[in-house]
Amino acid sequence: MVRRLRRGDYLRNIEPLEMNVMQRIREDLNECLGTKLKVKANKGRKIVIENLAVLEETYPHVFVVRVENKTSPCQRVSYSYADIITRTVELSHPETDEALFPWLNS
């Protein structure tokens, strides 16, 4: 006998896993507050922006970085943790170019 999953069953099973991943990303980012990061953001239509930024704040659903540009010296940009999960935004160490979340790729 095959048991069909209802919509509620599916959501109940997957939500805690997603929240644990988001919590882990937030905890890892909290350890990096005030440090310089390399931010690579996919803006769509084959536009990819790479900047050096300083992680300023983390909130329950978003984090804020201060981008260091020659054109605008103090620009603040916010990204969601879902952007990291979907790889729309990639964070790495500026010196080594090593990914900040290597456990996410596996």
Protein backbone atom coordinates (compact mmCIF):
# COMPACT_ATOMS: atom_id res chain seq x y z
CA MET A 1 0.00 0.00 0.00
CA VAL A 2 1.36 3.39 -1.00
CA ARG A 3 0.69 6.31 1.31
CA ARG A 4 0.28 9.64 -0.43
CA LEU A 5 1.75 12.68 1.23
CA ARG A 6 -0.49 15.63 1.73
CA ARG A 7 0.90 19.12 1.27
CA GLY A 8 1.06 19.72 5.01
CA ASP A 9 3.07 16.52 5.55
CA TYR A 10 5.68 17.61 3.06
CA LEU A 11 6.05 21.06 4.59
CA ARG A 12 6.26 19.72 8.12
CA ASN A 13 9.12 17.43 7.13
CA ILE A 14 11.23 19.98 5.24
CA GLU A 15 10.86 23.23 7.20
CA PRO A 16 13.01 22.26 10.21
CA LEU A 17 15.85 21.20 7.91
CA GLU A 18 15.79 24.53 6.05
CA MET A 19 15.65 26.46 9.31
CA ASN A 20 18.63 24.52 10.66
CA VAL A 21 20.67 25.43 7.57
CA MET A 22 19.68 29.09 7.85
CA GLN A 23 20.48 29.08 11.56
CA ARG A 24 23.88 27.57 10.88
CA ILE A 25 24.63 30.17 8.21
CA ARG A 26 23.61 32.94 10.60
CA GLU A 27 25.76 31.52 13.41
CA ASP A 28 28.75 31.25 11.08
CA LEU A 29 28.22 34.84 9.95
CA ASN A 30 27.96 36.05 13.55
CA GLU A 31 31.50 34.77 14.07
CA CYS A 32 32.66 36.92 11.12
CA LEU A 33 31.11 40.24 12.23
CA GLY A 34 33.42 43.12 11.38
CA THR A 35 35.65 41.11 9.07
CA LYS A 36 36.37 41.71 5.41
CA LEU A 37 34.74 39.33 2.94
CA LYS A 38 34.67 38.90 -0.79
CA VAL A 39 31.07 39.09 -2.01
CA LYS A 40 30.10 37.67 -5.39
CA ALA A 41 26.46 38.45 -6.24
CA ASN A 42 24.57 37.21 -9.28
CA LYS A 43 22.22 40.03 -10.30
CA GLY A 44 20.65 38.18 -13.23
CA ARG A 45 21.02 38.48 -17.00
CA LYS A 46 24.63 37.32 -16.76
CA ILE A 47 25.56 40.24 -14.48
CA VAL A 48 27.86 39.19 -11.65
CA ILE A 49 29.18 41.77 -9.20
CA GLU A 50 32.28 41.12 -7.08
CA ASN A 51 33.20 43.45 -4.23
CA LEU A 52 35.11 43.54 -0.99
CA ALA A 53 32.78 44.17 1.91
CA VAL A 54 32.71 44.26 5.70
CA LEU A 55 30.02 42.24 7.46
CA GLU A 56 28.16 44.73 9.66
CA GLU A 57 24.97 43.14 11.03
CA THR A 58 23.03 39.89 11.05
CA TYR A 59 19.29 39.79 11.51
CA PRO A 60 16.88 36.83 11.67
CA HIS A 61 16.36 36.69 7.89
CA VAL A 62 18.98 38.99 6.34
CA PHE A 63 22.56 40.17 6.82
CA VAL A 64 24.06 43.56 5.97
CA VAL A 65 27.46 44.25 4.44
CA ARG A 66 29.22 47.58 3.86
CA VAL A 67 30.63 47.52 0.33
CA GLU A 68 33.97 49.22 -0.27
CA ASN A 69 33.95 50.79 -3.74
CA LYS A 70 35.91 53.61 -5.29
CA THR A 71 32.68 55.07 -6.71
CA SER A 72 30.62 55.00 -3.52
CA PRO A 73 32.73 54.71 -0.37
CA CYS A 74 29.93 53.77 2.05
CA GLN A 75 27.23 51.63 0.45
CA ARG A 76 25.28 49.17 2.58
CA VAL A 77 23.70 46.14 0.94
CA SER A 78 21.51 43.47 2.51
CA TYR A 79 21.17 39.87 1.41
CA SER A 80 19.01 37.04 2.69
CA TYR A 81 20.33 33.71 3.95
CA ALA A 82 18.27 32.08 1.18
CA ASP A 83 20.53 33.90 -1.32
CA ILE A 84 23.46 31.93 0.07
CA ILE A 85 21.55 28.63 -0.06
CA THR A 86 20.52 29.22 -3.69
CA ARG A 87 24.05 30.43 -4.52
CA THR A 88 22.82 33.81 -5.73
CA VAL A 89 25.38 35.26 -3.32
CA GLU A 90 28.73 33.64 -2.57
CA LEU A 91 30.96 34.74 0.31
CA SER A 92 34.65 33.95 0.56
CA HIS A 93 37.81 35.04 2.34
CA PRO A 94 39.50 37.83 0.34
CA GLU A 95 43.10 36.60 0.81
CA THR A 96 42.66 32.89 0.16
CA ASP A 97 39.49 32.97 -1.98
CA GLU A 98 38.28 30.04 0.14
CA ALA A 99 34.48 29.68 0.43
CA LEU A 100 33.00 30.78 3.74
CA PHE A 101 30.53 27.87 3.76
CA PRO A 102 32.34 24.80 2.36
CA TRP A 103 29.88 22.49 4.15
CA LEU A 104 27.05 23.94 2.03
CA ASN A 105 28.52 22.65 -1.23
CA SER A 106 28.47 19.01 -0.19
